[in-house]
Each structure stands twice: as structure tokens, then as C-alpha cells.
N, C-alpha and C. Protein backbone atom coordinates (compact mmCIF):
# COMPACT_ATOMS: atom_id res chain seq x y z
N MET A 1 30.68 127.51 -23.75
CA MET A 1 30.57 126.33 -22.82
C MET A 1 30.93 126.72 -21.44
N ARG A 2 30.23 126.16 -20.47
CA ARG A 2 30.53 126.50 -19.04
C ARG A 2 30.85 125.27 -18.25
N ASP A 3 31.82 125.37 -17.45
CA ASP A 3 32.09 124.24 -16.44
C ASP A 3 31.53 124.50 -15.15
N ASP A 4 31.76 123.69 -14.14
CA ASP A 4 31.08 123.88 -12.84
C ASP A 4 31.63 125.12 -12.08
N ALA A 5 32.74 125.71 -12.51
CA ALA A 5 33.17 126.80 -11.91
C ALA A 5 32.76 128.05 -12.68
N GLY A 6 31.95 127.89 -13.71
CA GLY A 6 31.45 129.00 -14.60
C GLY A 6 32.48 129.33 -15.69
N ALA A 7 33.62 128.60 -15.79
CA ALA A 7 34.60 128.86 -16.83
C ALA A 7 34.03 128.57 -18.22
N THR A 8 34.49 129.29 -19.20
CA THR A 8 34.00 128.96 -20.56
C THR A 8 35.10 128.66 -21.42
N GLY A 9 34.86 127.96 -22.56
CA GLY A 9 36.01 127.63 -23.48
C GLY A 9 35.73 126.44 -24.25
N PRO A 10 36.42 126.15 -25.28
CA PRO A 10 36.19 125.00 -26.23
C PRO A 10 36.47 123.66 -25.57
N GLY A 11 37.25 123.62 -24.49
CA GLY A 11 37.58 122.32 -23.81
C GLY A 11 36.51 121.82 -22.93
N VAL A 12 35.51 122.51 -22.67
CA VAL A 12 34.48 122.08 -21.63
C VAL A 12 33.53 121.13 -22.41
N ALA A 13 33.33 119.93 -21.92
CA ALA A 13 32.55 118.92 -22.57
C ALA A 13 31.18 118.63 -21.78
N ALA A 14 30.76 119.45 -20.92
CA ALA A 14 29.60 119.08 -20.25
C ALA A 14 29.03 120.44 -19.68
N ILE A 15 27.66 120.34 -19.45
CA ILE A 15 27.01 121.37 -18.66
C ILE A 15 26.91 120.95 -17.32
N GLU A 16 27.33 121.65 -16.32
CA GLU A 16 27.20 121.34 -15.00
C GLU A 16 26.33 122.35 -14.22
N GLY A 17 25.26 121.92 -13.56
CA GLY A 17 24.43 122.87 -12.84
C GLY A 17 23.85 122.34 -11.64
N VAL A 18 23.16 123.13 -10.80
CA VAL A 18 22.57 122.75 -9.49
C VAL A 18 21.11 123.06 -9.56
N ALA A 19 20.36 122.21 -8.95
CA ALA A 19 18.87 122.43 -8.81
C ALA A 19 18.55 122.25 -7.36
N THR A 20 17.81 123.18 -6.76
CA THR A 20 17.45 123.13 -5.30
C THR A 20 15.98 123.42 -5.38
N GLY A 21 15.23 122.57 -4.69
CA GLY A 21 13.71 122.72 -4.48
C GLY A 21 13.16 121.50 -3.91
N PRO A 22 11.81 121.53 -3.82
CA PRO A 22 11.07 120.32 -3.20
C PRO A 22 11.04 119.18 -4.17
N VAL A 23 11.13 117.99 -3.60
CA VAL A 23 10.84 116.85 -4.43
C VAL A 23 9.35 116.55 -4.30
N LEU A 24 8.65 116.52 -5.44
CA LEU A 24 7.20 116.40 -5.40
C LEU A 24 6.79 115.14 -6.07
N ARG A 25 5.66 114.49 -5.49
CA ARG A 25 5.18 113.35 -6.13
C ARG A 25 4.23 113.68 -7.22
N TRP A 26 4.38 113.05 -8.39
CA TRP A 26 3.54 113.21 -9.59
C TRP A 26 2.07 112.93 -9.18
N SER A 27 1.13 113.66 -9.65
CA SER A 27 -0.31 113.43 -9.24
C SER A 27 -0.94 112.33 -10.02
N GLY A 28 -0.33 111.62 -10.84
CA GLY A 28 -0.87 110.44 -11.56
C GLY A 28 -1.13 109.21 -10.73
N ASP A 29 -1.35 108.11 -11.41
CA ASP A 29 -1.41 106.81 -10.73
C ASP A 29 -0.14 106.23 -10.18
N ALA A 30 0.93 106.52 -10.90
CA ALA A 30 2.33 105.94 -10.64
C ALA A 30 2.88 106.83 -9.50
N ALA A 31 3.81 106.22 -8.73
CA ALA A 31 4.46 106.89 -7.67
C ALA A 31 5.79 107.44 -8.08
N TRP A 32 5.82 108.47 -9.00
CA TRP A 32 6.97 109.10 -9.53
C TRP A 32 7.19 110.39 -8.73
N TYR A 33 8.43 110.70 -8.49
CA TYR A 33 8.84 111.86 -7.78
C TYR A 33 9.76 112.66 -8.63
N PHE A 34 9.68 113.98 -8.62
CA PHE A 34 10.42 114.84 -9.46
C PHE A 34 10.93 116.03 -8.71
N LEU A 35 12.11 116.57 -9.18
CA LEU A 35 12.65 117.80 -8.83
C LEU A 35 12.75 118.73 -10.01
N ALA A 36 12.10 119.84 -9.97
CA ALA A 36 12.12 120.92 -11.08
C ALA A 36 13.46 121.59 -11.14
N LEU A 37 14.04 121.68 -12.35
CA LEU A 37 15.31 122.42 -12.54
C LEU A 37 15.00 123.91 -12.77
N PRO A 38 15.93 124.67 -12.39
CA PRO A 38 15.72 126.20 -12.54
C PRO A 38 15.61 126.42 -14.05
N VAL A 39 14.77 127.41 -14.54
CA VAL A 39 14.46 127.67 -15.92
C VAL A 39 15.84 128.13 -16.70
N ASP A 40 16.70 128.79 -16.03
CA ASP A 40 17.97 129.23 -16.69
C ASP A 40 18.84 127.97 -17.05
N LEU A 41 18.85 126.99 -16.17
CA LEU A 41 19.50 125.70 -16.45
C LEU A 41 18.88 124.98 -17.61
N ALA A 42 17.56 124.86 -17.48
CA ALA A 42 16.82 124.22 -18.55
C ALA A 42 16.92 124.90 -19.86
N ASP A 43 17.01 126.19 -19.87
CA ASP A 43 17.24 126.86 -21.23
C ASP A 43 18.58 126.53 -21.78
N GLU A 44 19.62 126.47 -20.98
CA GLU A 44 20.95 126.12 -21.36
C GLU A 44 20.97 124.71 -21.91
N ILE A 45 20.28 123.76 -21.13
CA ILE A 45 20.34 122.30 -21.69
C ILE A 45 19.48 122.26 -22.90
N ARG A 46 18.39 122.86 -23.05
CA ARG A 46 17.58 122.90 -24.33
C ARG A 46 18.40 123.33 -25.46
N ALA A 47 19.15 124.51 -25.34
CA ALA A 47 19.84 125.09 -26.32
C ALA A 47 21.15 124.34 -26.81
N ARG A 48 21.66 123.56 -25.97
CA ARG A 48 22.98 122.96 -26.29
C ARG A 48 23.09 121.53 -26.31
N THR A 49 21.97 120.82 -26.30
CA THR A 49 21.90 119.33 -26.26
C THR A 49 21.07 118.67 -27.41
N GLU A 50 21.30 117.50 -27.55
CA GLU A 50 20.41 116.73 -28.49
C GLU A 50 19.40 116.05 -27.54
N HIS A 51 18.10 116.11 -28.05
CA HIS A 51 17.03 115.57 -27.27
C HIS A 51 16.69 114.11 -27.94
N VAL A 52 16.31 113.26 -27.05
CA VAL A 52 15.90 111.96 -27.43
C VAL A 52 14.42 111.72 -27.05
N GLY A 53 14.01 110.53 -27.04
CA GLY A 53 12.54 110.25 -26.79
C GLY A 53 11.84 111.21 -25.88
N PHE A 54 10.62 111.65 -26.21
CA PHE A 54 9.86 112.58 -25.28
C PHE A 54 10.58 113.87 -25.04
N GLY A 55 11.72 114.22 -25.76
CA GLY A 55 12.46 115.49 -25.49
C GLY A 55 13.22 115.36 -24.35
N SER A 56 13.54 114.14 -23.90
CA SER A 56 14.46 113.91 -22.66
C SER A 56 15.88 114.14 -22.95
N VAL A 57 16.73 114.36 -21.98
CA VAL A 57 18.19 114.65 -22.10
C VAL A 57 18.84 113.84 -20.98
N ARG A 58 19.93 113.05 -21.46
CA ARG A 58 20.60 112.26 -20.49
C ARG A 58 21.51 113.13 -19.62
N VAL A 59 21.49 112.79 -18.22
CA VAL A 59 22.27 113.49 -17.21
C VAL A 59 22.84 112.47 -16.19
N THR A 60 23.81 112.88 -15.49
CA THR A 60 24.24 112.21 -14.24
C THR A 60 23.80 113.13 -13.17
N ALA A 61 23.14 112.69 -12.18
CA ALA A 61 22.64 113.48 -10.99
C ALA A 61 23.15 112.90 -9.80
N THR A 62 23.49 113.93 -8.82
CA THR A 62 23.88 113.58 -7.50
C THR A 62 23.07 114.37 -6.49
N ILE A 63 22.49 113.67 -5.55
CA ILE A 63 21.91 114.18 -4.33
C ILE A 63 22.49 113.58 -3.12
N GLY A 64 23.12 114.41 -2.30
CA GLY A 64 23.95 113.88 -1.08
C GLY A 64 25.12 113.13 -1.66
N SER A 65 25.21 111.87 -1.26
CA SER A 65 26.26 111.01 -1.65
C SER A 65 25.89 109.93 -2.66
N THR A 66 24.72 110.10 -3.16
CA THR A 66 24.09 109.25 -4.13
C THR A 66 24.13 109.86 -5.55
N SER A 67 24.78 109.12 -6.55
CA SER A 67 24.75 109.58 -7.89
C SER A 67 24.09 108.42 -8.77
N TRP A 68 23.47 108.96 -9.84
CA TRP A 68 22.80 107.95 -10.77
C TRP A 68 22.78 108.59 -12.14
N SER A 69 22.69 107.68 -13.12
CA SER A 69 22.44 108.17 -14.53
C SER A 69 20.94 108.09 -14.78
N THR A 70 20.52 109.07 -15.41
CA THR A 70 18.99 109.17 -15.74
C THR A 70 18.82 110.20 -16.93
N SER A 71 17.61 110.60 -17.06
CA SER A 71 17.31 111.68 -18.04
C SER A 71 16.41 112.73 -17.32
N VAL A 72 16.54 113.93 -17.86
CA VAL A 72 15.58 114.96 -17.40
C VAL A 72 14.56 115.05 -18.50
N PHE A 73 13.31 115.42 -18.19
CA PHE A 73 12.25 115.43 -19.10
C PHE A 73 11.62 116.89 -19.06
N PRO A 74 11.13 117.31 -20.31
CA PRO A 74 10.49 118.63 -20.35
C PRO A 74 9.12 118.64 -19.67
N ASP A 75 8.91 119.73 -18.98
CA ASP A 75 7.66 119.87 -18.21
C ASP A 75 6.95 121.14 -18.78
N LYS A 76 5.91 120.83 -19.55
CA LYS A 76 5.16 121.98 -20.23
C LYS A 76 4.53 123.05 -19.23
N GLU A 77 4.18 122.47 -18.05
CA GLU A 77 3.62 123.45 -17.07
C GLU A 77 4.57 124.48 -16.60
N SER A 78 5.85 124.10 -16.34
CA SER A 78 6.87 124.98 -15.79
C SER A 78 7.68 125.65 -16.88
N GLY A 79 7.77 124.99 -18.04
CA GLY A 79 8.63 125.35 -19.05
C GLY A 79 10.06 125.05 -18.79
N SER A 80 10.23 124.07 -17.94
CA SER A 80 11.62 123.69 -17.44
C SER A 80 11.69 122.24 -17.76
N TYR A 81 12.68 121.62 -17.13
CA TYR A 81 12.87 120.25 -17.13
C TYR A 81 12.61 119.64 -15.65
N VAL A 82 12.26 118.40 -15.59
CA VAL A 82 12.15 117.75 -14.25
C VAL A 82 13.09 116.57 -14.14
N LEU A 83 13.66 116.42 -13.01
CA LEU A 83 14.48 115.23 -12.78
C LEU A 83 13.81 114.24 -11.93
N PRO A 84 13.65 112.92 -12.42
CA PRO A 84 12.95 112.00 -11.73
C PRO A 84 13.92 111.53 -10.64
N VAL A 85 13.45 111.41 -9.38
CA VAL A 85 14.21 110.99 -8.24
C VAL A 85 13.70 109.53 -7.83
N LYS A 86 14.53 108.58 -8.22
CA LYS A 86 13.95 107.11 -8.13
C LYS A 86 13.96 106.67 -6.59
N ALA A 87 13.23 105.68 -6.31
CA ALA A 87 13.04 105.21 -4.99
C ALA A 87 14.35 104.91 -4.22
N ALA A 88 15.23 104.30 -4.93
CA ALA A 88 16.56 103.97 -4.29
C ALA A 88 17.24 105.15 -3.82
N VAL A 89 17.21 106.31 -4.61
CA VAL A 89 17.94 107.49 -4.14
C VAL A 89 17.19 108.11 -2.94
N ARG A 90 15.73 108.09 -3.05
CA ARG A 90 15.06 108.67 -1.90
C ARG A 90 15.16 107.92 -0.69
N ARG A 91 15.35 106.50 -0.72
CA ARG A 91 15.69 105.75 0.46
C ARG A 91 17.12 106.08 0.97
N ALA A 92 18.11 106.13 0.09
CA ALA A 92 19.49 106.27 0.51
C ALA A 92 19.69 107.72 1.14
N GLU A 93 18.92 108.64 0.74
CA GLU A 93 19.09 109.95 1.14
C GLU A 93 18.00 110.44 2.11
N ALA A 94 17.03 109.57 2.48
CA ALA A 94 15.90 109.82 3.46
C ALA A 94 15.12 111.00 2.92
N ILE A 95 14.80 110.93 1.60
CA ILE A 95 13.97 112.07 1.06
C ILE A 95 12.49 111.56 0.91
N ASP A 96 11.63 112.51 1.44
CA ASP A 96 10.15 112.32 1.44
C ASP A 96 9.46 113.38 0.51
N ASP A 97 8.28 113.10 0.19
CA ASP A 97 7.48 114.19 -0.57
C ASP A 97 7.55 115.49 0.04
N GLY A 98 7.93 116.48 -0.72
CA GLY A 98 7.98 117.88 -0.23
C GLY A 98 9.31 118.31 0.36
N ASP A 99 10.13 117.30 0.60
CA ASP A 99 11.59 117.66 1.20
C ASP A 99 12.35 118.47 0.14
N VAL A 100 13.06 119.54 0.58
CA VAL A 100 13.87 120.37 -0.29
C VAL A 100 15.27 119.66 -0.38
N VAL A 101 15.77 119.48 -1.55
CA VAL A 101 17.04 118.99 -1.85
C VAL A 101 17.76 119.70 -2.76
N THR A 102 19.06 119.45 -2.87
CA THR A 102 19.93 120.11 -3.81
C THR A 102 20.51 118.95 -4.63
N ALA A 103 20.30 119.08 -6.00
CA ALA A 103 20.88 118.03 -6.81
C ALA A 103 21.98 118.75 -7.74
N ARG A 104 23.06 118.10 -8.05
CA ARG A 104 24.13 118.50 -8.93
C ARG A 104 23.89 117.65 -10.22
N LEU A 105 23.90 118.35 -11.30
CA LEU A 105 23.70 117.65 -12.61
C LEU A 105 24.82 117.87 -13.62
N VAL A 106 25.25 116.85 -14.29
CA VAL A 106 26.22 116.84 -15.28
C VAL A 106 25.42 116.41 -16.59
N VAL A 107 25.52 117.19 -17.60
CA VAL A 107 24.84 116.96 -18.82
C VAL A 107 26.02 116.83 -19.89
N PRO A 108 26.27 115.64 -20.38
CA PRO A 108 27.29 115.51 -21.38
C PRO A 108 26.93 116.23 -22.73
N LEU A 109 27.96 116.80 -23.38
CA LEU A 109 27.61 117.43 -24.62
C LEU A 109 28.20 116.59 -25.77
């Protein structure tokens, strides 16, 4: 197991990781916005967690000073997971389509 400093050991109860990239609007009818996770973080999440509906995994995400509980969802196109960035977060952090952001993720084990 790994903590946010990269330490390993039996006492670590979460995966902590960082995703940096553009927030992109989903091309469907709904106005959903997503941030793709790096594949190495997605691989660790996939290997070490229980998946629920649609293969999603519960996380706590933080962008800037805004934190929220949500789920990441598998993305077949990228082979990774995507983090939905809800409207309240985008407003609070002044995020628009295509803006590059850094999200910190905590995935409970």
C-alpha cells in the first residue's frame, strides 16, 4: 500500500494520487465535465479496490480549495478512469472547458 508520500506498509488505508490535465465536456447531450486520471493511478485503483455500479470507485477529490465525495468511472477509450467535475466545483474554482487543473484523490481501501 502507498500513502501520499509514497510510503508503503500495512497501516496505509487509502490510495492517494494526483491527476493533472484538461477538464473536458462530455460530447453527449448532458453537460458533464470530466478529468482523466493517469493510467498508472487507474491501474492501482483497479487492482486494489472494490468496484460498484458501472465499475465505479468511491473517492474524495480536491481541486484548489474545494473537496467533494464522488466516484471515478472507467473510460474504455483511454483505459483509465475519469473524475466527474460537478458544476459547483467548476464555479467555485473558476474552471471552464479545457482548463488544466490538478486534482488530489483519496481512494479508501
